[in-house]
N, C-alpha and C. Protein backbone atom coordinates (compact mmCIF):
# COMPACT_ATOMS: atom_id res chain seq x y z
N MET A 1 -166.71 -55.35 35.80
CA MET A 1 -165.87 -55.72 36.92
C MET A 1 -166.61 -56.47 38.04
N THR A 2 -165.98 -57.48 38.63
CA THR A 2 -166.59 -58.20 39.74
C THR A 2 -166.16 -57.43 41.08
N GLU A 3 -166.85 -57.87 42.01
CA GLU A 3 -166.50 -57.34 43.34
C GLU A 3 -165.12 -57.54 43.78
N ASP A 4 -164.57 -58.86 43.41
CA ASP A 4 -163.24 -59.25 43.78
C ASP A 4 -162.22 -58.33 43.05
N HIS A 5 -162.52 -58.09 41.87
CA HIS A 5 -161.59 -57.19 41.04
C HIS A 5 -161.56 -55.79 41.69
N LEU A 6 -162.63 -55.30 41.99
CA LEU A 6 -162.76 -53.86 42.64
C LEU A 6 -162.03 -53.98 43.92
N LYS A 7 -162.25 -54.95 44.80
CA LYS A 7 -161.49 -55.02 46.12
C LYS A 7 -160.01 -55.07 45.89
N LYS A 8 -159.54 -55.79 44.95
CA LYS A 8 -158.19 -55.92 44.60
C LYS A 8 -157.61 -54.50 44.09
N ALA A 9 -158.37 -53.86 43.33
CA ALA A 9 -157.89 -52.60 42.87
C ALA A 9 -157.87 -51.58 43.97
N ILE A 10 -158.77 -51.63 44.86
CA ILE A 10 -158.72 -50.74 46.12
C ILE A 10 -157.41 -51.05 46.85
N ALA A 11 -157.18 -52.45 47.15
CA ALA A 11 -156.02 -52.75 47.90
C ALA A 11 -154.69 -52.27 47.24
N VAL A 12 -154.58 -52.45 46.00
CA VAL A 12 -153.35 -52.14 45.19
C VAL A 12 -153.28 -50.65 45.20
N ALA A 13 -154.25 -49.99 44.80
CA ALA A 13 -154.22 -48.54 44.84
C ALA A 13 -153.73 -47.96 46.10
N ASN A 14 -154.26 -48.49 47.19
CA ASN A 14 -154.02 -48.01 48.55
C ASN A 14 -152.52 -48.21 48.86
N GLU A 15 -152.05 -49.47 48.42
CA GLU A 15 -150.66 -49.86 48.70
C GLU A 15 -149.75 -48.89 47.87
N ILE A 16 -150.01 -48.41 46.69
CA ILE A 16 -149.10 -47.68 45.89
C ILE A 16 -149.43 -46.13 46.04
N GLY A 17 -150.51 -45.81 46.90
CA GLY A 17 -150.69 -44.44 47.06
C GLY A 17 -151.48 -43.77 45.93
N ALA A 18 -152.18 -44.55 45.13
CA ALA A 18 -153.03 -44.03 44.02
C ALA A 18 -154.28 -43.59 44.49
N LYS A 19 -154.47 -42.50 45.17
CA LYS A 19 -155.78 -42.07 45.74
C LYS A 19 -156.91 -42.00 44.86
N GLY A 20 -156.63 -41.38 43.73
CA GLY A 20 -157.72 -41.27 42.72
C GLY A 20 -158.31 -42.60 42.26
N ILE A 21 -157.30 -43.41 42.00
CA ILE A 21 -157.92 -44.82 41.54
C ILE A 21 -158.62 -45.50 42.71
N GLU A 22 -158.17 -45.36 43.89
CA GLU A 22 -158.80 -45.99 45.03
C GLU A 22 -160.17 -45.38 45.24
N GLY A 23 -160.29 -43.99 45.09
CA GLY A 23 -161.64 -43.48 45.33
C GLY A 23 -162.60 -43.89 44.28
N VAL A 24 -162.20 -43.91 43.10
CA VAL A 24 -163.01 -44.37 41.96
C VAL A 24 -163.52 -45.76 42.03
N ALA A 25 -162.57 -46.59 42.62
CA ALA A 25 -162.91 -48.05 42.77
C ALA A 25 -163.87 -48.16 43.87
N TYR A 26 -163.78 -47.37 44.98
CA TYR A 26 -164.87 -47.35 45.96
C TYR A 26 -166.12 -46.89 45.39
N LEU A 27 -166.12 -45.95 44.56
CA LEU A 27 -167.35 -45.42 44.02
C LEU A 27 -168.01 -46.52 43.15
N ASP A 28 -167.22 -47.22 42.33
CA ASP A 28 -167.68 -48.41 41.57
C ASP A 28 -168.14 -49.46 42.29
N LEU A 29 -167.45 -49.70 43.40
CA LEU A 29 -167.91 -50.90 44.41
C LEU A 29 -169.19 -50.45 44.98
N GLY A 30 -169.45 -49.24 45.37
CA GLY A 30 -170.63 -48.75 45.98
C GLY A 30 -171.83 -48.96 45.03
N ARG A 31 -171.49 -48.62 43.77
CA ARG A 31 -172.64 -48.73 42.69
C ARG A 31 -172.88 -50.23 42.52
N LEU A 32 -171.91 -51.13 42.54
CA LEU A 32 -172.15 -52.61 42.45
C LEU A 32 -173.05 -53.08 43.64
N HIS A 33 -172.71 -52.65 44.75
CA HIS A 33 -173.43 -53.04 46.03
C HIS A 33 -174.86 -52.41 45.89
N GLN A 34 -175.10 -51.30 45.36
CA GLN A 34 -176.35 -50.63 45.17
C GLN A 34 -177.23 -51.53 44.23
N VAL A 35 -176.67 -51.96 43.08
CA VAL A 35 -177.43 -52.88 42.22
C VAL A 35 -177.84 -54.11 42.88
N LYS A 36 -176.97 -54.64 43.73
CA LYS A 36 -177.29 -55.93 44.39
C LYS A 36 -178.09 -55.71 45.68
N GLY A 37 -178.47 -54.50 46.01
CA GLY A 37 -179.30 -54.26 47.19
C GLY A 37 -178.72 -54.30 48.52
N ARG A 38 -177.32 -54.05 48.58
CA ARG A 38 -176.63 -54.09 49.83
C ARG A 38 -176.48 -52.72 50.48
N SER A 39 -177.51 -52.23 51.03
CA SER A 39 -177.67 -50.79 51.56
C SER A 39 -176.47 -50.39 52.34
N GLU A 40 -176.11 -51.30 53.50
CA GLU A 40 -175.03 -50.93 54.38
C GLU A 40 -173.72 -50.67 53.73
N GLN A 41 -173.41 -51.68 52.78
CA GLN A 41 -172.09 -51.45 52.08
C GLN A 41 -172.15 -50.36 51.08
N VAL A 42 -173.30 -49.99 50.50
CA VAL A 42 -173.43 -48.89 49.54
C VAL A 42 -172.87 -47.61 50.38
N GLN A 43 -173.56 -47.33 51.45
CA GLN A 43 -173.23 -46.18 52.35
C GLN A 43 -171.77 -46.07 52.59
N ASP A 44 -171.21 -47.19 53.01
CA ASP A 44 -169.74 -47.29 53.41
C ASP A 44 -168.86 -46.94 52.33
N CYS A 45 -169.11 -47.49 51.15
CA CYS A 45 -168.33 -47.33 49.95
C CYS A 45 -168.39 -45.96 49.40
N PHE A 46 -169.67 -45.37 49.35
CA PHE A 46 -169.72 -44.00 48.78
C PHE A 46 -169.13 -42.92 49.81
N SER A 47 -169.31 -43.20 51.09
CA SER A 47 -168.53 -42.38 51.99
C SER A 47 -167.03 -42.42 52.00
N LYS A 48 -166.47 -43.56 51.77
CA LYS A 48 -165.01 -43.72 51.62
C LYS A 48 -164.59 -43.05 50.29
N ALA A 49 -165.38 -43.16 49.28
CA ALA A 49 -165.10 -42.62 47.95
C ALA A 49 -165.07 -41.06 48.05
N VAL A 50 -165.98 -40.46 48.79
CA VAL A 50 -166.14 -38.99 48.96
C VAL A 50 -164.88 -38.59 49.77
N ARG A 51 -164.46 -39.28 50.89
CA ARG A 51 -163.44 -38.83 51.73
C ARG A 51 -162.05 -38.92 50.89
N ILE A 52 -161.86 -40.03 50.26
CA ILE A 52 -160.64 -40.14 49.42
C ILE A 52 -160.49 -39.18 48.27
N LEU A 53 -161.55 -39.02 47.60
CA LEU A 53 -161.61 -38.05 46.41
C LEU A 53 -161.50 -36.59 46.91
N GLU A 54 -161.98 -36.27 48.07
CA GLU A 54 -161.78 -34.92 48.48
C GLU A 54 -160.24 -34.71 48.79
N GLU A 55 -159.56 -35.77 49.39
CA GLU A 55 -158.07 -35.70 49.64
C GLU A 55 -157.27 -35.35 48.47
N CYS A 56 -157.66 -35.99 47.26
CA CYS A 56 -156.78 -35.82 46.04
C CYS A 56 -157.49 -34.81 45.08
N GLU A 57 -158.53 -34.05 45.53
CA GLU A 57 -159.14 -32.99 44.87
C GLU A 57 -159.53 -33.34 43.40
N SER A 58 -160.12 -34.64 43.31
CA SER A 58 -160.65 -35.17 42.03
C SER A 58 -161.95 -34.60 41.87
N GLU A 59 -162.17 -33.35 41.31
CA GLU A 59 -163.46 -32.69 41.32
C GLU A 59 -164.63 -33.38 40.50
N VAL A 60 -164.34 -34.05 39.38
CA VAL A 60 -165.30 -34.68 38.54
C VAL A 60 -165.89 -35.91 39.28
N TYR A 61 -164.89 -36.75 39.75
CA TYR A 61 -165.39 -38.03 40.47
C TYR A 61 -166.01 -37.66 41.84
N LEU A 62 -165.51 -36.60 42.45
CA LEU A 62 -166.00 -36.23 43.76
C LEU A 62 -167.40 -35.75 43.73
N LYS A 63 -167.82 -35.06 42.60
CA LYS A 63 -169.10 -34.64 42.28
C LYS A 63 -170.09 -35.91 42.16
N GLN A 64 -169.55 -36.85 41.37
CA GLN A 64 -170.32 -38.14 41.23
C GLN A 64 -170.46 -38.82 42.61
N ALA A 65 -169.38 -38.91 43.41
CA ALA A 65 -169.57 -39.59 44.63
C ALA A 65 -170.56 -38.88 45.55
N ASN A 66 -170.48 -37.61 45.59
CA ASN A 66 -171.26 -36.82 46.35
C ASN A 66 -172.74 -37.04 45.97
N ARG A 67 -173.02 -36.99 44.68
CA ARG A 67 -174.44 -37.32 44.27
C ARG A 67 -174.82 -38.61 44.54
N ALA A 68 -174.00 -39.53 44.43
CA ALA A 68 -174.33 -40.97 44.75
C ALA A 68 -174.70 -41.14 46.30
N LEU A 69 -173.82 -40.43 47.13
CA LEU A 69 -174.13 -40.49 48.57
C LEU A 69 -175.38 -39.78 48.93
N ASP A 70 -175.69 -38.49 48.28
CA ASP A 70 -176.91 -37.78 48.54
C ASP A 70 -178.18 -38.54 48.05
N SER A 71 -177.97 -39.47 47.11
CA SER A 71 -179.18 -40.07 46.55
C SER A 71 -179.64 -41.18 47.56
N LEU A 72 -178.81 -41.43 48.57
CA LEU A 72 -179.26 -42.39 49.54
C LEU A 72 -180.13 -41.88 50.72
N LYS A 73 -180.16 -40.48 50.73
CA LYS A 73 -180.94 -39.84 51.74
C LYS A 73 -182.42 -39.75 51.39
């Protein structure tokens, strides 16, 4: 997926209230930024993923997002 696709997925998921999909898309966008060396955006995306995935109690993806965020420290 490209960055544009992920941003569109985030926007649509937010619009329709699909929190789980939005959280996973932020996690994937953070991983994409990480590969491209965009540190600031990585932190932001992983943080948003954790917050959103906590809200919808998505335990599997929440663990992944927390691990990803912790790896930045």
